[in-house]
Amino acid sequence: AYRLEADVQLDEFADQNGWHWVRGGLQINLLNKAEGRSQGSHRWGIKVAAQNPDTAAQRARDAIDKPLSSGLRDVIIGFGTPE
């Protein structure tokens, strides 16, 4: 019995040159419910920019989706291997 938690924290801002930035991170934590402890956690950094806020927001969503689509399985399997 495990529970996978995900937390996304993003900060958005615009610079003086008209670029809109989104920075932050996506963190996952695999909890072992039977033992009441974390089995492992992993964090991916997010950093995207665009010349309008809607495109920056879409790029941030894409940056969040990428590790969930391609790297999540390997990270979770890695939680089960001894360090």
PDB file of N, CA and C in Angstrom:
ATOM      1  N   ALA A   1       0.846  -1.185   0.000  1.00  0.00           N
ATOM      2  CA  ALA A   1       0.000   0.000   0.000  1.00  0.00           C
ATOM      3  C   ALA A   1       0.894   1.251   0.000  1.00  0.00           C
ATOM      4  N   TYR A   2       0.921   1.886  -1.125  1.00  0.00           N
ATOM      5  CA  TYR A   2       1.726   3.093  -1.300  1.00  0.00           C
ATOM      6  C   TYR A   2       0.834   4.224  -1.800  1.00  0.00           C
ATOM      7  N   ARG A   3       1.261   5.419  -1.542  1.00  0.00           N
ATOM      8  CA  ARG A   3       0.567   6.612  -2.056  1.00  0.00           C
ATOM      9  C   ARG A   3       1.616   7.520  -2.690  1.00  0.00           C
ATOM     10  N   LEU A   4       1.346   7.936  -3.913  1.00  0.00           N
ATOM     11  CA  LEU A   4       2.238   8.851  -4.618  1.00  0.00           C
ATOM     12  C   LEU A   4       1.662  10.259  -4.532  1.00  0.00           C
ATOM     13  N   GLU A   5       2.457  11.164  -3.988  1.00  0.00           N
ATOM     14  CA  GLU A   5       2.044  12.561  -3.881  1.00  0.00           C
ATOM     15  C   GLU A   5       2.893  13.400  -4.829  1.00  0.00           C
ATOM     16  N   ALA A   6       2.280  14.402  -5.430  1.00  0.00           N
ATOM     17  CA  ALA A   6       2.996  15.331  -6.303  1.00  0.00           C
ATOM     18  C   ALA A   6       2.705  16.750  -5.844  1.00  0.00           C
ATOM     19  N   ASP A   7       3.721  17.585  -5.881  1.00  0.00           N
ATOM     20  CA  ASP A   7       3.588  18.981  -5.481  1.00  0.00           C
ATOM     21  C   ASP A   7       4.265  19.852  -6.538  1.00  0.00           C
ATOM     22  N   VAL A   8       3.535  20.818  -7.045  1.00  0.00           N
ATOM     23  CA  VAL A   8       4.076  21.753  -8.030  1.00  0.00           C
ATOM     24  C   VAL A   8       4.088  23.135  -7.398  1.00  0.00           C
ATOM     25  N   GLN A   9       5.240  23.771  -7.418  1.00  0.00           N
ATOM     26  CA  GLN A   9       5.360  25.137  -6.925  1.00  0.00           C
ATOM     27  C   GLN A   9       6.011  25.965  -8.015  1.00  0.00           C
ATOM     28  N   LEU A  10       5.292  26.994  -8.460  1.00  0.00           N
ATOM     29  CA  LEU A  10       5.772  27.834  -9.551  1.00  0.00           C
ATOM     30  C   LEU A  10       5.677  29.293  -9.181  1.00  0.00           C
ATOM     31  N   ASP A  11       6.642  30.068  -9.626  1.00  0.00           N
ATOM     32  CA  ASP A  11       6.624  31.518  -9.507  1.00  0.00           C
ATOM     33  C   ASP A  11       6.623  32.084 -10.920  1.00  0.00           C
ATOM     34  N   GLU A  12       5.770  33.070 -11.152  1.00  0.00           N
ATOM     35  CA  GLU A  12       5.694  33.708 -12.455  1.00  0.00           C
ATOM     36  C   GLU A  12       6.084  35.175 -12.320  1.00  0.00           C
ATOM     37  N   PHE A  13       6.839  35.678 -13.303  1.00  0.00           N
ATOM     38  CA  PHE A  13       7.172  37.096 -13.308  1.00  0.00           C
ATOM     39  C   PHE A  13       7.536  37.525 -14.721  1.00  0.00           C
ATOM     40  N   ALA A  14       7.471  38.813 -14.953  1.00  0.00           N
ATOM     41  CA  ALA A  14       7.860  39.382 -16.249  1.00  0.00           C
ATOM     42  C   ALA A  14       9.080  40.257 -16.034  1.00  0.00           C
ATOM     43  N   ASP A  15      10.021  40.198 -16.976  1.00  0.00           N
ATOM     44  CA  ASP A  15      11.200  41.053 -16.853  1.00  0.00           C
ATOM     45  C   ASP A  15      10.994  42.347 -17.650  1.00  0.00           C
ATOM     46  N   GLN A  16      11.970  43.221 -17.594  1.00  0.00           N
ATOM     47  CA  GLN A  16      11.847  44.533 -18.231  1.00  0.00           C
ATOM     48  C   GLN A  16      11.931  44.458 -19.756  1.00  0.00           C
ATOM     49  N   ASN A  17      12.339  43.316 -20.293  1.00  0.00           N
ATOM     50  CA  ASN A  17      12.438  43.146 -21.738  1.00  0.00           C
ATOM     51  C   ASN A  17      11.179  42.526 -22.344  1.00  0.00           C
ATOM     52  N   GLY A  18      10.144  42.338 -21.519  1.00  0.00           N
ATOM     53  CA  GLY A  18       8.884  41.800 -22.010  1.00  0.00           C
ATOM     54  C   GLY A  18       8.759  40.289 -21.987  1.00  0.00           C
ATOM     55  N   TRP A  19       9.725  39.602 -21.408  1.00  0.00           N
ATOM     56  CA  TRP A  19       9.652  38.151 -21.304  1.00  0.00           C
ATOM     57  C   TRP A  19       8.898  37.759 -20.039  1.00  0.00           C
ATOM     58  N   HIS A  20       8.100  36.716 -20.147  1.00  0.00           N
ATOM     59  CA  HIS A  20       7.346  36.171 -19.013  1.00  0.00           C
ATOM     60  C   HIS A  20       7.992  34.851 -18.623  1.00  0.00           C
ATOM     61  N   TRP A  21       8.382  34.764 -17.374  1.00  0.00           N
ATOM     62  CA  TRP A  21       9.115  33.607 -16.866  1.00  0.00           C
ATOM     63  C   TRP A  21       8.260  32.819 -15.892  1.00  0.00           C
ATOM     64  N   VAL A  22       8.420  31.505 -15.913  1.00  0.00           N
ATOM     65  CA  VAL A  22       7.828  30.620 -14.919  1.00  0.00           C
ATOM     66  C   VAL A  22       8.966  29.727 -14.422  1.00  0.00           C
ATOM     67  N   ARG A  23       9.189  29.767 -13.116  1.00  0.00           N
ATOM     68  CA  ARG A  23      10.261  28.974 -12.493  1.00  0.00           C
ATOM     69  C   ARG A  23       9.710  28.275 -11.268  1.00  0.00           C
ATOM     70  N   GLY A  24      10.274  27.139 -10.981  1.00  0.00           N
ATOM     71  CA  GLY A  24       9.848  26.414  -9.790  1.00  0.00           C
ATOM     72  C   GLY A  24      10.242  24.965  -9.887  1.00  0.00           C
ATOM     73  N   GLY A  25       9.352  24.100  -9.403  1.00  0.00           N
ATOM     74  CA  GLY A  25       9.684  22.692  -9.413  1.00  0.00           C
ATOM     75  C   GLY A  25       8.489  21.792  -9.246  1.00  0.00           C
ATOM     76  N   LEU A  26       8.691  20.561  -9.641  1.00  0.00           N
ATOM     77  CA  LEU A  26       7.736  19.475  -9.467  1.00  0.00           C
ATOM     78  C   LEU A  26       8.406  18.456  -8.568  1.00  0.00           C
ATOM     79  N   GLN A  27       7.768  18.117  -7.468  1.00  0.00           N
ATOM     80  CA  GLN A  27       8.338  17.133  -6.551  1.00  0.00           C
ATOM     81  C   GLN A  27       7.331  16.015  -6.343  1.00  0.00           C
ATOM     82  N   ILE A  28       7.842  14.780  -6.371  1.00  0.00           N
ATOM     83  CA  ILE A  28       7.012  13.621  -6.046  1.00  0.00           C
ATOM     84  C   ILE A  28       7.559  12.973  -4.788  1.00  0.00           C
ATOM     85  N   ASN A  29       6.669  12.308  -4.064  1.00  0.00           N
ATOM     86  CA  ASN A  29       7.036  11.613  -2.838  1.00  0.00           C
ATOM     87  C   ASN A  29       6.217  10.327  -2.793  1.00  0.00           C
ATOM     88  N   LEU A  30       6.893   9.196  -2.673  1.00  0.00           N
ATOM     89  CA  LEU A  30       6.222   7.915  -2.565  1.00  0.00           C
ATOM     90  C   LEU A  30       6.165   7.531  -1.093  1.00  0.00           C
ATOM     91  N   LEU A  31       4.955   7.413  -0.572  1.00  0.00           N
ATOM     92  CA  LEU A  31       4.756   7.105   0.842  1.00  0.00           C
ATOM     93  C   LEU A  31       4.403   5.638   1.022  1.00  0.00           C
ATOM     94  N   ASN A  32       5.084   4.980   1.936  1.00  0.00           N
ATOM     95  CA  ASN A  32       4.778   3.614   2.330  1.00  0.00           C
ATOM     96  C   ASN A  32       3.772   3.718   3.468  1.00  0.00           C
ATOM     97  N   LYS A  33       2.518   3.478   3.161  1.00  0.00           N
ATOM     98  CA  LYS A  33       1.462   3.670   4.156  1.00  0.00           C
ATOM     99  C   LYS A  33       1.564   2.677   5.306  1.00  0.00           C
ATOM    100  N   ALA A  34       2.009   1.458   5.034  1.00  0.00           N
ATOM    101  CA  ALA A  34       2.104   0.451   6.086  1.00  0.00           C
ATOM    102  C   ALA A  34       3.142   0.827   7.134  1.00  0.00           C
ATOM    103  N   GLU A  35       4.259   1.415   6.683  1.00  0.00           N
ATOM    104  CA  GLU A  35       5.327   1.789   7.613  1.00  0.00           C
ATOM    105  C   GLU A  35       5.233   3.239   8.055  1.00  0.00           C
ATOM    106  N   GLY A  36       4.372   4.014   7.420  1.00  0.00           N
ATOM    107  CA  GLY A  36       4.200   5.415   7.793  1.00  0.00           C
ATOM    108  C   GLY A  36       5.411   6.284   7.491  1.00  0.00           C
ATOM    109  N   ARG A  37       6.115   5.977   6.388  1.00  0.00           N
ATOM    110  CA  ARG A  37       7.302   6.764   6.062  1.00  0.00           C
ATOM    111  C   ARG A  37       7.423   6.927   4.544  1.00  0.00           C
ATOM    112  N   SER A  38       8.299   7.827   4.165  1.00  0.00           N
ATOM    113  CA  SER A  38       8.561   8.063   2.758  1.00  0.00           C
ATOM    114  C   SER A  38       9.489   6.988   2.210  1.00  0.00           C
ATOM    115  N   GLN A  39       9.126   6.446   1.063  1.00  0.00           N
ATOM    116  CA  GLN A  39       9.961   5.459   0.377  1.00  0.00           C
ATOM    117  C   GLN A  39      11.013   6.157  -0.485  1.00  0.00           C
ATOM    118  N   GLY A  40      10.715   7.412  -0.872  1.00  0.00           N
ATOM    119  CA  GLY A  40      11.650   8.182  -1.670  1.00  0.00           C
ATOM    120  C   GLY A  40      10.978   9.419  -2.243  1.00  0.00           C
ATOM    121  N   SER A  41      11.782  10.384  -2.638  1.00  0.00           N
ATOM    122  CA  SER A  41      11.251  11.588  -3.269  1.00  0.00           C
ATOM    123  C   SER A  41      12.214  12.025  -4.367  1.00  0.00           C
ATOM    124  N   HIS A  42      11.669  12.813  -5.285  1.00  0.00           N
ATOM    125  CA  HIS A  42      12.468  13.292  -6.409  1.00  0.00           C
ATOM    126  C   HIS A  42      11.913  14.648  -6.836  1.00  0.00           C
ATOM    127  N   ARG A  43      12.805  15.535  -7.285  1.00  0.00           N
ATOM    128  CA  ARG A  43      12.395  16.872  -7.707  1.00  0.00           C
ATOM    129  C   ARG A  43      12.970  17.173  -9.089  1.00  0.00           C
ATOM    130  N   TRP A  44      12.111  17.742  -9.937  1.00  0.00           N
ATOM    131  CA  TRP A  44      12.519  18.243 -11.241  1.00  0.00           C
ATOM    132  C   TRP A  44      12.355  19.756 -11.243  1.00  0.00           C
ATOM    133  N   GLY A  45      13.359  20.465 -11.704  1.00  0.00           N
ATOM    134  CA  GLY A  45      13.273  21.911 -11.819  1.00  0.00           C
ATOM    135  C   GLY A  45      12.487  22.309 -13.069  1.00  0.00           C
ATOM    136  N   ILE A  46      11.761  23.409 -12.956  1.00  0.00           N
ATOM    137  CA  ILE A  46      10.978  23.953 -14.068  1.00  0.00           C
ATOM    138  C   ILE A  46      11.470  25.378 -14.314  1.00  0.00           C
ATOM    139  N   LYS A  47      11.807  25.682 -15.560  1.00  0.00           N
ATOM    140  CA  LYS A  47      12.228  27.036 -15.923  1.00  0.00           C
ATOM    141  C   LYS A  47      11.896  27.244 -17.393  1.00  0.00           C
ATOM    142  N   VAL A  48      10.895  28.082 -17.659  1.00  0.00           N
ATOM    143  CA  VAL A  48      10.480  28.359 -19.036  1.00  0.00           C
ATOM    144  C   VAL A  48      10.242  29.856 -19.183  1.00  0.00           C
ATOM    145  N   ALA A  49      10.240  30.313 -20.442  1.00  0.00           N
ATOM    146  CA  ALA A  49       9.996  31.723 -20.731  1.00  0.00           C
ATOM    147  C   ALA A  49       9.278  31.836 -22.069  1.00  0.00           C
ATOM    148  N   ALA A  50       8.552  32.931 -22.226  1.00  0.00           N
ATOM    149  CA  ALA A  50       7.886  33.244 -23.494  1.00  0.00           C
ATOM    150  C   ALA A  50       7.604  34.733 -23.515  1.00  0.00           C
ATOM    151  N   GLN A  51       7.231  35.224 -24.668  1.00  0.00           N
ATOM    152  CA  GLN A  51       6.973  36.658 -24.781  1.00  0.00           C
ATOM    153  C   GLN A  51       5.543  37.041 -24.441  1.00  0.00           C
ATOM    154  N   ASN A  52       4.699  36.068 -24.076  1.00  0.00           N
ATOM    155  CA  ASN A  52       3.375  36.404 -23.548  1.00  0.00           C
ATOM    156  C   ASN A  52       3.028  35.417 -22.435  1.00  0.00           C
ATOM    157  N   PRO A  53       2.178  35.811 -21.505  1.00  0.00           N
ATOM    158  CA  PRO A  53       1.920  34.973 -20.327  1.00  0.00           C
ATOM    159  C   PRO A  53       1.217  33.655 -20.646  1.00  0.00           C
ATOM    160  N   ASP A  54       0.350  33.644 -21.647  1.00  0.00           N
ATOM    161  CA  ASP A  54      -0.348  32.393 -21.981  1.00  0.00           C
ATOM    162  C   ASP A  54       0.618  31.338 -22.510  1.00  0.00           C
ATOM    163  N   THR A  55       1.538  31.748 -23.352  1.00  0.00           N
ATOM    164  CA  THR A  55       2.525  30.807 -23.881  1.00  0.00           C
ATOM    165  C   THR A  55       3.456  30.328 -22.772  1.00  0.00           C
ATOM    166  N   ALA A  56       3.834  31.212 -21.868  1.00  0.00           N
ATOM    167  CA  ALA A  56       4.680  30.812 -20.742  1.00  0.00           C
ATOM    168  C   ALA A  56       3.961  29.786 -19.872  1.00  0.00           C
ATOM    169  N   ALA A  57       2.673  30.000 -19.623  1.00  0.00           N
ATOM    170  CA  ALA A  57       1.899  29.052 -18.821  1.00  0.00           C
ATOM    171  C   ALA A  57       1.806  27.696 -19.521  1.00  0.00           C
ATOM    172  N   GLN A  58       1.591  27.697 -20.842  1.00  0.00           N
ATOM    173  CA  GLN A  58       1.528  26.436 -21.587  1.00  0.00           C
ATOM    174  C   GLN A  58       2.873  25.718 -21.559  1.00  0.00           C
ATOM    175  N   ARG A  59       3.937  26.455 -21.697  1.00  0.00           N
ATOM    176  CA  ARG A  59       5.272  25.844 -21.635  1.00  0.00           C
ATOM    177  C   ARG A  59       5.544  25.254 -20.252  1.00  0.00           C
ATOM    178  N   ALA A  60       5.056  25.908 -19.210  1.00  0.00           N
ATOM    179  CA  ALA A  60       5.217  25.373 -17.855  1.00  0.00           C
ATOM    180  C   ALA A  60       4.441  24.061 -17.709  1.00  0.00           C
ATOM    181  N   ARG A  61       3.215  24.009 -18.232  1.00  0.00           N
ATOM    182  CA  ARG A  61       2.443  22.760 -18.184  1.00  0.00           C
ATOM    183  C   ARG A  61       3.160  21.646 -18.955  1.00  0.00           C
ATOM    184  N   ASP A  62       3.722  21.999 -20.106  1.00  0.00           N
ATOM    185  CA  ASP A  62       4.475  21.012 -20.890  1.00  0.00           C
ATOM    186  C   ASP A  62       5.707  20.523 -20.123  1.00  0.00           C
ATOM    187  N   ALA A  63       6.382  21.446 -19.430  1.00  0.00           N
ATOM    188  CA  ALA A  63       7.578  21.091 -18.657  1.00  0.00           C
ATOM    189  C   ALA A  63       7.228  20.184 -17.474  1.00  0.00           C
ATOM    190  N   ILE A  64       6.026  20.324 -16.944  1.00  0.00           N
ATOM    191  CA  ILE A  64       5.562  19.450 -15.856  1.00  0.00           C
ATOM    192  C   ILE A  64       5.194  18.079 -16.417  1.00  0.00           C
ATOM    193  N   ASP A  65       4.551  18.064 -17.573  1.00  0.00           N
ATOM    194  CA  ASP A  65       4.098  16.813 -18.174  1.00  0.00           C
ATOM    195  C   ASP A  65       5.264  15.924 -18.623  1.00  0.00           C
ATOM    196  N   LYS A  66       6.338  16.540 -19.085  1.00  0.00           N
ATOM    197  CA  LYS A  66       7.443  15.772 -19.655  1.00  0.00           C
ATOM    198  C   LYS A  66       8.025  14.733 -18.693  1.00  0.00           C
ATOM    199  N   PRO A  67       8.435  15.099 -17.474  1.00  0.00           N
ATOM    200  CA  PRO A  67       8.991  14.060 -16.585  1.00  0.00           C
ATOM    201  C   PRO A  67       7.937  13.059 -16.125  1.00  0.00           C
ATOM    202  N   LEU A  68       6.684  13.503 -16.012  1.00  0.00           N
ATOM    203  CA  LEU A  68       5.636  12.570 -15.615  1.00  0.00           C
ATOM    204  C   LEU A  68       5.380  11.534 -16.702  1.00  0.00           C
ATOM    205  N   SER A  69       5.532  11.949 -17.946  1.00  0.00           N
ATOM    206  CA  SER A  69       5.297  11.042 -19.072  1.00  0.00           C
ATOM    207  C   SER A  69       6.488  10.129 -19.358  1.00  0.00           C
ATOM    208  N   SER A  70       7.692  10.654 -19.170  1.00  0.00           N
ATOM    209  CA  SER A  70       8.856   9.883 -19.616  1.00  0.00           C
ATOM    210  C   SER A  70       9.776   9.393 -18.499  1.00  0.00           C
ATOM    211  N   GLY A  71       9.782  10.028 -17.351  1.00  0.00           N
ATOM    212  CA  GLY A  71      10.768   9.660 -16.340  1.00  0.00           C
ATOM    213  C   GLY A  71      10.213   9.130 -15.040  1.00  0.00           C
ATOM    214  N   LEU A  72       8.918   9.213 -14.849  1.00  0.00           N
ATOM    215  CA  LEU A  72       8.320   8.850 -13.562  1.00  0.00           C
ATOM    216  C   LEU A  72       8.529   7.370 -13.227  1.00  0.00           C
ATOM    217  N   ARG A  73       8.346   6.510 -14.200  1.00  0.00           N
ATOM    218  CA  ARG A  73       8.476   5.074 -13.960  1.00  0.00           C
ATOM    219  C   ARG A  73       9.860   4.725 -13.427  1.00  0.00           C
ATOM    220  N   ASP A  74      10.899   5.233 -14.075  1.00  0.00           N
ATOM    221  CA  ASP A  74      12.268   4.929 -13.648  1.00  0.00           C
ATOM    222  C   ASP A  74      12.571   5.476 -12.259  1.00  0.00           C
ATOM    223  N   VAL A  75      12.048   6.655 -11.952  1.00  0.00           N
ATOM    224  CA  VAL A  75      12.270   7.241 -10.628  1.00  0.00           C
ATOM    225  C   VAL A  75      11.610   6.394  -9.550  1.00  0.00           C
ATOM    226  N   ILE A  76      10.363   5.970  -9.792  1.00  0.00           N
ATOM    227  CA  ILE A  76       9.660   5.159  -8.786  1.00  0.00           C
ATOM    228  C   ILE A  76      10.345   3.808  -8.612  1.00  0.00           C
ATOM    229  N   ILE A  77      10.773   3.194  -9.698  1.00  0.00           N
ATOM    230  CA  ILE A  77      11.508   1.928  -9.579  1.00  0.00           C
ATOM    231  C   ILE A  77      12.795   2.128  -8.779  1.00  0.00           C
ATOM    232  N   GLY A  78      13.438   3.284  -8.985  1.00  0.00           N
ATOM    233  CA  GLY A  78      14.648   3.590  -8.237  1.00  0.00           C
ATOM    234  C   GLY A  78      14.432   3.718  -6.740  1.00  0.00           C
ATOM    235  N   PHE A  79      13.225   4.047  -6.325  1.00  0.00           N
ATOM    236  CA  PHE A  79      12.940   4.119  -4.882  1.00  0.00           C
ATOM    237  C   PHE A  79      13.058   2.752  -4.222  1.00  0.00           C
ATOM    238  N   GLY A  80      12.880   1.689  -4.992  1.00  0.00           N
ATOM    239  CA  GLY A  80      12.928   0.344  -4.434  1.00  0.00           C
ATOM    240  C   GLY A  80      14.310  -0.282  -4.418  1.00  0.00           C
ATOM    241  N   THR A  81      15.278   0.381  -5.026  1.00  0.00           N
ATOM    242  CA  THR A  81      16.634  -0.187  -5.048  1.00  0.00           C
ATOM    243  C   THR A  81      17.443   0.391  -3.894  1.00  0.00           C
ATOM    244  N   PRO A  82      18.241  -0.443  -3.253  1.00  0.00           N
ATOM    245  CA  PRO A  82      19.066   0.056  -2.134  1.00  0.00           C
ATOM    246  C   PRO A  82      20.116   1.054  -2.619  1.00  0.00           C
ATOM    247  N   GLU A  83      20.391   2.006  -1.775  1.00  0.00           N
ATOM    248  CA  GLU A  83      21.389   3.045  -2.097  1.00  0.00           C
ATOM    249  C   GLU A  83      22.786   2.561  -1.851  1.00  0.00           C
TER     250      GLU A  83
END
